[in-house]
């Protein structure tokens, strides 16, 4: 009987202990936050909570930014837990482009002597504060999880109304910061929405990634994987091994050696969220247009050329072109990647409706000597799930969710009980 009483008492103490634990101590394995599209500038924003007390921060999602930037001043940044990062701090030393500050103005958030700074128009002070993101088990958001000591750069209020969510593989970017602070897997997945009236999803940590309609599709089970390549000059950006391009199975001929990254960091294929439409070197662009129009003609797809519009040199009249659940009825474009992975683009991702009467091929050609041969832009990324596994340097891809009868806007952001 005494043993039973002791056991019951122990169980009660354990239950009380776990009830009193913060969300962090319950070991959240993943986090989620919504992604919103701003159609006026073709940018995508995410939300995190920051400061003490917590306040919502809206940040531009940027795959090429090495660190988070937040607006800082006496007026815009009021927090009891703000701490400047000292120049001797290990995280300052780990970022090779950092320096040490001298501040000639009164002390305030963003202006302290002897603190770590990163480059900009003028040095941006690094600081630490409490951040919070919703936990998830993959199908909807749970309680907020606090991450103490997340590092960010202080951006002057005059430099923009919102900050930046840096998402590179840098030690100062958000994926590494949240992984270090919370002990979650060094991985993130993003699903960009295709309209401003819906929300996509950004995940940190481990899968699943469940999207409606019911019973829900776990897209982590449908990922094809390809290596993330290292560029020895632009070390933290995301490059993939593009091997070729096919239009409805027809090879697009061009000099494939331009897809390699050379010793100066030039060439290759980079992923971007601030570039709205995929950029191709002129040789690849011209060859793609030639094959695309020839295939459409052979398939009797009724594509009639129209005048160029703005960025787009290859446009067609919409009249007579069929419509499907994956967009306009045009030839499919396959990006052939390493590990026999294929990124298939249907009409929703390959075409852009520029007016009631005209649609254009959503690719642009760039300078004769571009730094990067192919830059995959956000229009082609929309309604595709991309998982960046930084521990294994692997990209997981679930392409064209429309074909799988769901979209990036179908994540259930209704809170779990």
Protein backbone atom coordinates (compact mmCIF):
# COMPACT_ATOMS: atom_id res chain seq x y z
CA UNK A 1 0.00 0.00 0.00
CA UNK A 2 2.84 2.36 0.91
CA UNK A 3 4.49 1.59 -2.44
CA UNK A 4 1.22 2.38 -4.25
CA UNK A 5 0.91 5.73 -2.42
CA UNK A 6 4.55 6.53 -3.31
CA UNK A 7 3.92 5.64 -6.96
CA UNK A 8 0.78 7.78 -7.16
CA UNK A 9 2.58 10.69 -5.49
CA UNK A 10 5.47 10.41 -7.96
CA UNK A 11 3.08 10.34 -10.93
CA UNK A 12 1.26 13.41 -9.59
CA UNK A 13 4.53 15.32 -9.16
CA UNK A 14 5.65 14.41 -12.68
CA UNK A 15 2.28 15.52 -14.13
CA UNK A 16 2.44 18.83 -12.27
CA UNK A 17 6.04 19.31 -13.46
CA UNK A 18 5.16 18.78 -17.13
CA UNK A 19 2.10 21.03 -16.86
CA UNK A 20 4.36 23.81 -15.63
CA UNK A 21 6.98 23.34 -18.35
CA UNK A 22 7.12 25.97 -21.08
CA UNK A 23 6.47 24.86 -24.66
CA UNK A 24 10.23 24.76 -25.29
CA UNK A 25 10.81 22.15 -22.60
CA UNK A 26 8.29 19.84 -24.23
CA UNK A 27 10.74 19.53 -27.11
CA UNK A 28 8.89 20.85 -30.12
CA UNK A 29 10.30 19.09 -33.17
CA UNK A 30 9.01 21.57 -35.74
CA UNK A 31 7.72 25.13 -36.15
CA UNK A 32 5.43 26.75 -38.70
CA UNK A 33 4.56 30.29 -39.74
CA UNK A 34 2.43 31.61 -42.63
CA UNK A 35 3.86 33.04 -45.86
CA UNK A 36 1.99 35.92 -47.49
CA UNK A 37 2.46 37.21 -51.04
CA UNK A 38 2.61 40.93 -51.87
CA UNK A 39 1.64 41.16 -55.54
CA UNK A 40 2.74 44.81 -55.84
CA UNK A 41 6.42 43.90 -55.51
CA UNK A 42 6.36 40.10 -55.94
CA UNK A 43 7.74 39.60 -52.43
CA UNK A 44 6.81 37.06 -49.76
CA UNK A 45 6.63 37.85 -46.06
CA UNK A 46 6.64 35.72 -42.91
CA UNK A 47 5.72 36.46 -39.31
CA UNK A 48 7.68 35.82 -36.14
CA UNK A 49 7.20 37.12 -32.62
CA UNK A 50 10.12 39.03 -31.06
CA UNK A 51 11.01 41.07 -27.96
CA UNK A 52 9.75 41.07 -24.36
CA UNK A 53 6.82 41.42 -24.30
CA UNK A 54 6.40 39.58 -27.62
CA UNK A 55 5.43 41.65 -30.67
CA UNK A 56 4.72 40.51 -34.24
CA UNK A 57 7.46 41.17 -36.80
CA UNK A 58 6.76 40.98 -40.54
CA UNK A 59 9.89 39.97 -42.47
CA UNK A 60 10.63 39.54 -46.19
CA UNK A 61 11.52 35.93 -46.98
CA UNK A 62 14.97 35.95 -48.60
CA UNK A 63 16.89 32.82 -49.63
CA UNK A 64 20.05 34.87 -50.26
CA UNK A 65 20.22 36.90 -47.00
CA UNK A 66 22.72 35.63 -44.44
CA UNK A 67 20.97 37.03 -41.36
CA UNK A 68 17.66 38.39 -40.12
CA UNK A 69 17.19 42.16 -40.12
CA UNK A 70 14.74 43.91 -37.80
CA UNK A 71 13.84 47.60 -37.48
CA UNK A 72 15.59 49.05 -34.44
CA UNK A 73 15.38 52.44 -32.72
CA UNK A 74 14.16 53.89 -29.44
CA UNK A 75 10.75 54.33 -31.04
CA UNK A 76 10.40 51.02 -32.89
CA UNK A 77 12.27 48.61 -30.60
CA UNK A 78 11.18 48.44 -26.98
CA UNK A 79 12.19 45.23 -25.22
CA UNK A 80 13.46 44.31 -21.78
CA UNK A 81 15.55 41.43 -23.18
CA UNK A 82 17.47 43.22 -25.98
CA UNK A 83 21.21 42.46 -25.72
CA UNK A 84 23.92 43.70 -28.14
CA UNK A 85 26.30 41.00 -29.40
CA UNK A 86 29.83 41.70 -28.20
CA UNK A 87 32.69 41.64 -30.73
CA UNK A 88 34.32 38.79 -28.83
CA UNK A 89 31.20 36.64 -29.07
CA UNK A 90 31.69 33.29 -30.81
CA UNK A 91 28.85 33.86 -33.29
CA UNK A 92 30.46 37.13 -34.36
CA UNK A 93 33.73 35.33 -35.01
CA UNK A 94 31.95 32.58 -36.93
CA UNK A 95 30.66 35.05 -39.51
CA UNK A 96 33.65 36.05 -41.63
CA UNK A 97 32.20 39.38 -42.81
CA UNK A 98 31.54 40.83 -39.36
CA UNK A 99 33.37 43.74 -37.74
CA UNK A 100 33.36 45.81 -34.55
CA UNK A 101 31.30 48.98 -34.06
CA UNK A 102 31.99 52.51 -32.92
CA UNK A 103 28.78 54.43 -32.27
CA UNK A 104 28.85 58.24 -32.30
CA UNK A 105 25.18 58.68 -31.39
CA UNK A 106 23.41 58.24 -28.05
CA UNK A 107 23.16 54.61 -26.97
CA UNK A 108 19.98 52.90 -28.19
CA UNK A 109 18.96 49.67 -29.93
CA UNK A 110 21.22 49.46 -32.97
CA UNK A 111 23.89 51.79 -31.55
CA UNK A 112 26.41 50.52 -28.98
CA UNK A 113 30.20 50.61 -28.82
CA UNK A 114 32.21 47.39 -29.09
CA UNK A 115 29.40 45.35 -30.62
CA UNK A 116 29.50 43.02 -33.60
CA UNK A 117 28.38 44.58 -36.89
CA UNK A 118 27.65 43.20 -40.35
CA UNK A 119 28.13 45.16 -43.58
CA UNK A 120 25.54 47.43 -45.15
CA UNK A 121 25.23 51.09 -46.11
CA UNK A 122 26.67 51.46 -42.61
CA UNK A 123 27.44 48.67 -40.18
CA UNK A 124 24.34 47.02 -38.74
CA UNK A 125 24.60 46.09 -35.08
CA UNK A 126 23.96 42.47 -34.15
CA UNK A 127 21.74 41.87 -31.14
CA UNK A 128 20.00 39.04 -29.30
CA UNK A 129 16.43 38.85 -28.11
CA UNK A 130 13.64 36.38 -27.45
CA UNK A 131 11.85 35.11 -30.56
CA UNK A 132 8.77 32.91 -30.76
CA UNK A 133 7.26 30.78 -33.55
CA UNK A 134 4.26 28.43 -33.48
CA UNK A 135 5.02 24.75 -32.90
CA UNK A 136 3.51 22.13 -35.21
CA UNK A 137 3.17 18.40 -35.63
CA UNK A 138 2.79 18.92 -39.35
CA UNK A 139 -0.94 19.45 -39.81
CA UNK A 140 -1.72 22.72 -37.97
CA UNK A 141 -0.06 25.18 -35.58
CA UNK A 142 0.28 24.55 -31.87
CA UNK A 143 1.45 26.79 -29.01
CA UNK A 144 4.18 29.37 -29.48
CA UNK A 145 7.70 28.17 -28.71
CA UNK A 146 10.14 30.74 -27.33
CA UNK A 147 13.70 30.73 -28.67
CA UNK A 148 15.94 32.74 -26.33
CA UNK A 149 18.92 34.60 -27.70
CA UNK A 150 18.09 34.66 -31.42
CA UNK A 151 20.56 36.93 -33.21
CA UNK A 152 19.52 39.56 -35.76
CA UNK A 153 20.88 42.75 -37.32
CA UNK A 154 19.39 46.11 -36.39
CA UNK A 155 18.09 47.93 -39.45
CA UNK A 156 17.42 51.67 -39.29
CA UNK A 157 13.72 52.54 -39.49
CA UNK A 158 14.31 54.65 -42.59
CA UNK A 159 15.50 51.64 -44.61
CA UNK A 160 12.09 50.07 -44.96
CA UNK A 161 8.83 49.34 -43.20
CA UNK A 162 9.64 45.66 -42.63
CA UNK A 163 12.71 43.57 -41.95
CA UNK A 164 14.26 40.53 -43.62
CA UNK A 165 14.15 36.82 -42.77
CA UNK A 166 17.57 35.58 -43.89
CA UNK A 167 17.32 31.92 -44.93
CA UNK A 168 20.75 30.94 -46.27
CA UNK A 169 22.91 28.19 -44.77
CA UNK A 170 24.85 30.85 -42.79
CA UNK A 171 25.27 30.42 -39.03
CA UNK A 172 23.44 33.76 -38.59
CA UNK A 173 20.41 32.88 -40.74
CA UNK A 174 17.11 31.87 -39.14
CA UNK A 175 17.33 28.09 -39.85
CA UNK A 176 20.65 27.77 -38.01
CA UNK A 177 19.56 30.14 -35.23
CA UNK A 178 16.34 28.28 -34.43
CA UNK A 179 18.06 24.92 -34.71
CA UNK A 180 20.77 26.01 -32.25
CA UNK A 181 18.35 27.64 -29.81
CA UNK A 182 15.68 24.92 -29.75
CA UNK A 183 17.57 21.77 -30.71
CA UNK A 184 15.39 21.11 -33.77
CA UNK A 185 16.65 19.56 -37.00
CA UNK A 186 18.65 21.97 -39.19
CA UNK A 187 16.08 21.90 -41.92
CA UNK A 188 13.33 24.11 -43.32
CA UNK A 189 10.62 23.72 -45.94
CA UNK A 190 8.72 26.43 -47.78
CA UNK A 191 5.55 26.44 -49.84
CA UNK A 192 4.99 29.81 -51.57
CA UNK A 193 1.37 30.85 -52.20
CA UNK A 194 0.34 31.90 -55.70
CA UNK A 195 -2.01 34.73 -54.68
CA UNK A 196 -2.22 37.54 -52.15
CA UNK A 197 -5.55 36.24 -50.83
CA UNK A 198 -4.11 32.99 -49.48
CA UNK A 199 -1.25 31.96 -47.21
CA UNK A 200 1.56 29.51 -47.80
CA UNK A 201 3.63 27.86 -45.08
CA UNK A 202 7.21 27.96 -43.83
CA UNK A 203 8.34 25.03 -41.65
CA UNK A 204 11.43 24.77 -39.46
CA UNK A 205 12.56 21.36 -38.22
CA UNK A 206 11.33 17.90 -39.07
CA UNK A 207 8.42 16.77 -41.26
CA UNK A 208 5.54 15.85 -41.82
CA UNK A 209 4.04 18.61 -43.97
CA UNK A 210 0.31 17.95 -44.18
CA UNK A 211 -1.90 19.87 -46.60
CA UNK A 212 -5.66 19.64 -47.10
CA UNK A 213 -8.09 18.58 -48.54
CA UNK A 214 -9.01 15.88 -45.99
CA UNK A 215 -7.74 13.47 -44.95
CA UNK A 216 -4.64 15.54 -45.74
CA UNK A 217 -1.60 14.87 -47.89
CA UNK A 218 1.77 14.48 -46.15
CA UNK A 219 3.97 15.93 -48.85
CA UNK A 220 7.16 14.75 -47.11
CA UNK A 221 6.40 11.25 -48.43
CA UNK A 222 6.37 12.55 -52.02
CA UNK A 223 9.67 14.37 -52.11
CA UNK A 224 12.28 13.67 -54.76
CA UNK A 225 15.76 14.59 -53.61
CA UNK A 226 18.70 16.24 -55.28
CA UNK A 227 21.97 17.59 -53.83
CA UNK A 228 22.43 21.21 -52.78
CA UNK A 229 25.72 22.20 -54.39
CA UNK A 230 28.50 24.23 -52.81
CA UNK A 231 29.68 27.44 -54.46
CA UNK A 232 33.11 28.22 -53.02
CA UNK A 233 32.66 31.97 -53.61
CA UNK A 234 28.98 32.52 -52.77
CA UNK A 235 29.18 29.97 -50.01
CA UNK A 236 25.77 30.26 -48.34
CA UNK A 237 23.43 30.51 -51.37
CA UNK A 238 21.40 27.54 -52.60
CA UNK A 239 22.58 25.95 -55.86
CA UNK A 240 21.23 22.79 -57.47
CA UNK A 241 22.63 20.60 -60.24
CA UNK A 242 20.57 21.35 -63.34
CA UNK A 243 21.52 18.81 -66.03
CA UNK A 244 19.18 19.91 -68.81
CA UNK A 245 15.73 21.18 -69.82
CA UNK A 246 13.05 19.22 -71.69
CA UNK A 247 9.82 20.47 -73.27
CA UNK A 248 7.30 17.63 -73.39
CA UNK A 249 10.24 15.23 -73.57
CA UNK A 250 12.14 17.20 -76.25
CA UNK A 251 15.64 18.26 -75.20
CA UNK A 252 16.45 21.98 -75.22
CA UNK A 253 19.91 22.15 -76.81
CA UNK A 254 22.53 24.45 -75.28
CA UNK A 255 26.08 24.30 -73.98
CA UNK A 256 25.64 22.22 -70.80
CA UNK A 257 29.09 23.23 -69.52
CA UNK A 258 27.63 26.64 -68.61
CA UNK A 259 25.61 24.89 -65.89
CA UNK A 260 28.80 24.12 -63.93
CA UNK A 261 30.10 26.49 -61.25
CA UNK A 262 33.62 27.69 -62.04
CA UNK A 263 36.44 28.67 -59.65
CA UNK A 264 35.23 32.31 -59.63
CA UNK A 265 31.76 31.23 -58.50
CA UNK A 266 30.15 31.93 -61.88
CA UNK A 267 27.63 29.69 -63.61
CA UNK A 268 25.35 27.10 -62.05
CA UNK A 269 21.69 27.21 -61.05
CA UNK A 270 20.58 29.20 -57.99
CA UNK A 271 17.25 29.35 -56.15
CA UNK A 272 15.80 32.81 -55.37
CA UNK A 273 12.72 34.29 -53.70
CA UNK A 274 13.40 37.94 -54.61
CA UNK A 275 13.64 37.23 -58.36
CA UNK A 276 10.03 36.90 -59.58
CA UNK A 277 10.63 34.98 -62.84
CA UNK A 278 13.30 32.46 -63.76
CA UNK A 279 16.28 34.09 -65.45
CA UNK A 280 18.17 32.27 -68.19
CA UNK A 281 21.33 33.11 -70.08
CA UNK A 282 20.45 34.29 -73.63
CA UNK A 283 21.58 31.03 -75.26
CA UNK A 284 19.35 28.90 -73.03
CA UNK A 285 16.41 31.31 -73.26
CA UNK A 286 16.43 31.47 -77.06
CA UNK A 287 16.71 27.70 -77.35
CA UNK A 288 13.87 27.17 -74.86
CA UNK A 289 11.57 29.54 -76.78
CA UNK A 290 12.38 27.82 -80.08
CA UNK A 291 11.65 24.31 -78.74
CA UNK A 292 8.57 25.44 -76.76
CA UNK A 293 6.88 27.08 -79.76
CA UNK A 294 7.74 24.16 -82.08
CA UNK A 295 6.37 21.58 -79.64
CA UNK A 296 3.18 23.62 -79.12
CA UNK A 297 2.72 23.83 -82.91
CA UNK A 298 3.19 20.07 -83.39
CA UNK A 299 0.72 19.40 -80.57
CA UNK A 300 -1.77 21.86 -82.16
CA UNK A 301 -2.08 23.91 -78.98
CA UNK A 302 -3.22 27.05 -80.80
CA UNK A 303 -0.50 29.34 -79.43
CA UNK A 304 -0.44 32.55 -81.50
CA UNK A 305 2.43 34.96 -80.86
CA UNK A 306 1.65 38.41 -79.44
CA UNK A 307 3.86 41.46 -78.93
CA UNK A 308 6.32 41.42 -75.99
CA UNK A 309 5.01 42.83 -72.70
CA UNK A 310 7.27 44.47 -70.11
CA UNK A 311 9.86 41.89 -68.98
CA UNK A 312 8.56 39.18 -71.27
CA UNK A 313 9.76 38.76 -74.84
CA UNK A 314 7.69 35.66 -75.60
CA UNK A 315 3.93 36.21 -75.38
CA UNK A 316 0.82 34.60 -76.83
CA UNK A 317 -2.84 35.44 -77.22
CA UNK A 318 -4.98 33.63 -74.64
CA UNK A 319 -7.93 33.13 -76.94
CA UNK A 320 -8.34 29.52 -77.96
CA UNK A 321 -5.84 28.18 -75.43
CA UNK A 322 -7.31 25.45 -73.26
CA UNK A 323 -7.48 25.65 -69.46
CA UNK A 324 -6.72 22.83 -67.02
CA UNK A 325 -6.47 22.50 -63.25
CA UNK A 326 -2.69 22.90 -63.63
CA UNK A 327 -3.00 26.13 -65.65
CA UNK A 328 -3.08 26.95 -69.37
CA UNK A 329 -2.85 23.95 -71.72
CA UNK A 330 0.73 24.48 -72.89
CA UNK A 331 3.72 22.12 -73.18
CA UNK A 332 5.22 20.97 -69.90
CA UNK A 333 8.76 22.09 -69.07
CA UNK A 334 10.97 19.68 -67.12
CA UNK A 335 14.05 20.82 -65.23
CA UNK A 336 16.26 17.71 -65.18
CA UNK A 337 18.29 17.60 -61.96
CA UNK A 338 20.97 15.41 -60.39
CA UNK A 339 19.94 12.06 -58.84
CA UNK A 340 17.44 11.61 -61.69
CA UNK A 341 15.11 14.17 -60.07
CA UNK A 342 12.71 16.12 -62.30
CA UNK A 343 11.08 19.45 -61.52
CA UNK A 344 8.00 19.59 -63.76
CA UNK A 345 6.45 22.96 -64.62
CA UNK A 346 2.88 22.99 -65.90
CA UNK A 347 1.15 26.06 -67.32
CA UNK A 348 0.42 27.58 -63.90
CA UNK A 349 4.16 27.92 -63.25
CA UNK A 350 5.47 28.39 -66.80
CA UNK A 351 3.01 31.07 -68.00
CA UNK A 352 2.06 34.53 -66.69
CA UNK A 353 -1.33 36.09 -67.48
CA UNK A 354 -0.41 39.73 -68.20
CA UNK A 355 -3.86 40.86 -69.43
CA UNK A 356 -7.28 39.51 -70.34
CA UNK A 357 -6.03 38.74 -73.83
CA UNK A 358 -2.34 37.93 -73.48
CA UNK A 359 -0.20 35.49 -71.52
CA UNK A 360 3.59 35.25 -71.59
CA UNK A 361 6.22 32.60 -71.03
CA UNK A 362 7.33 33.35 -67.48
CA UNK A 363 11.08 33.30 -68.13
CA UNK A 364 13.43 36.18 -68.87
CA UNK A 365 16.83 36.38 -70.51
CA UNK A 366 19.63 38.24 -68.74
CA UNK A 367 23.00 39.76 -69.56
CA UNK A 368 25.35 38.15 -72.05
CA UNK A 369 27.70 37.33 -69.16
CA UNK A 370 25.51 36.58 -66.10
CA UNK A 371 27.00 35.65 -62.74
CA UNK A 372 24.59 32.70 -62.54
CA UNK A 373 23.53 30.80 -65.67
CA UNK A 374 20.04 29.98 -64.35
CA UNK A 375 18.21 31.67 -61.47
CA UNK A 376 14.98 29.87 -60.59
CA UNK A 377 12.52 32.58 -59.59
CA UNK A 378 9.55 32.64 -57.26
CA UNK A 379 6.81 32.25 -59.90
CA UNK A 380 8.24 28.86 -60.80
CA UNK A 381 8.56 27.97 -57.07
CA UNK A 382 4.94 28.80 -56.16
CA UNK A 383 2.74 25.83 -55.23
CA UNK A 384 5.79 23.57 -55.05
CA UNK A 385 7.07 22.33 -51.68
CA UNK A 386 10.85 22.74 -51.27
CA UNK A 387 12.61 21.17 -48.29
CA UNK A 388 16.16 22.40 -47.54
CA UNK A 389 17.99 19.82 -45.42
CA UNK A 390 21.08 21.74 -44.32
CA UNK A 391 22.50 18.83 -42.34
CA UNK A 392 22.75 16.64 -45.45
CA UNK A 393 22.95 19.43 -48.10
CA UNK A 394 19.90 18.02 -49.88
CA UNK A 395 16.89 19.61 -51.54
CA UNK A 396 13.61 17.71 -51.32
CA UNK A 397 11.06 18.68 -53.95
CA UNK A 398 7.36 17.96 -54.30
CA UNK A 399 6.58 19.69 -57.59
CA UNK A 400 3.26 21.05 -58.84
CA UNK A 401 0.91 20.60 -55.90
CA UNK A 402 -1.92 21.52 -58.27
CA UNK A 403 -1.29 18.22 -60.05
CA UNK A 404 -1.55 16.52 -56.65
CA UNK A 405 -4.92 18.26 -56.09
CA UNK A 406 -3.76 20.62 -53.37
CA UNK A 407 -1.95 23.98 -53.12
CA UNK A 408 0.39 25.80 -50.76
CA UNK A 409 -2.63 27.68 -49.39
CA UNK A 410 -4.14 24.43 -48.11
CA UNK A 411 -2.16 24.19 -44.90
CA UNK A 412 -4.60 24.37 -41.98
CA UNK A 413 -3.59 27.42 -39.94
CA UNK A 414 -6.46 26.83 -37.49
CA UNK A 415 -4.86 26.27 -34.10
CA UNK A 416 -4.83 22.77 -32.65
CA UNK A 417 -6.53 22.33 -29.28
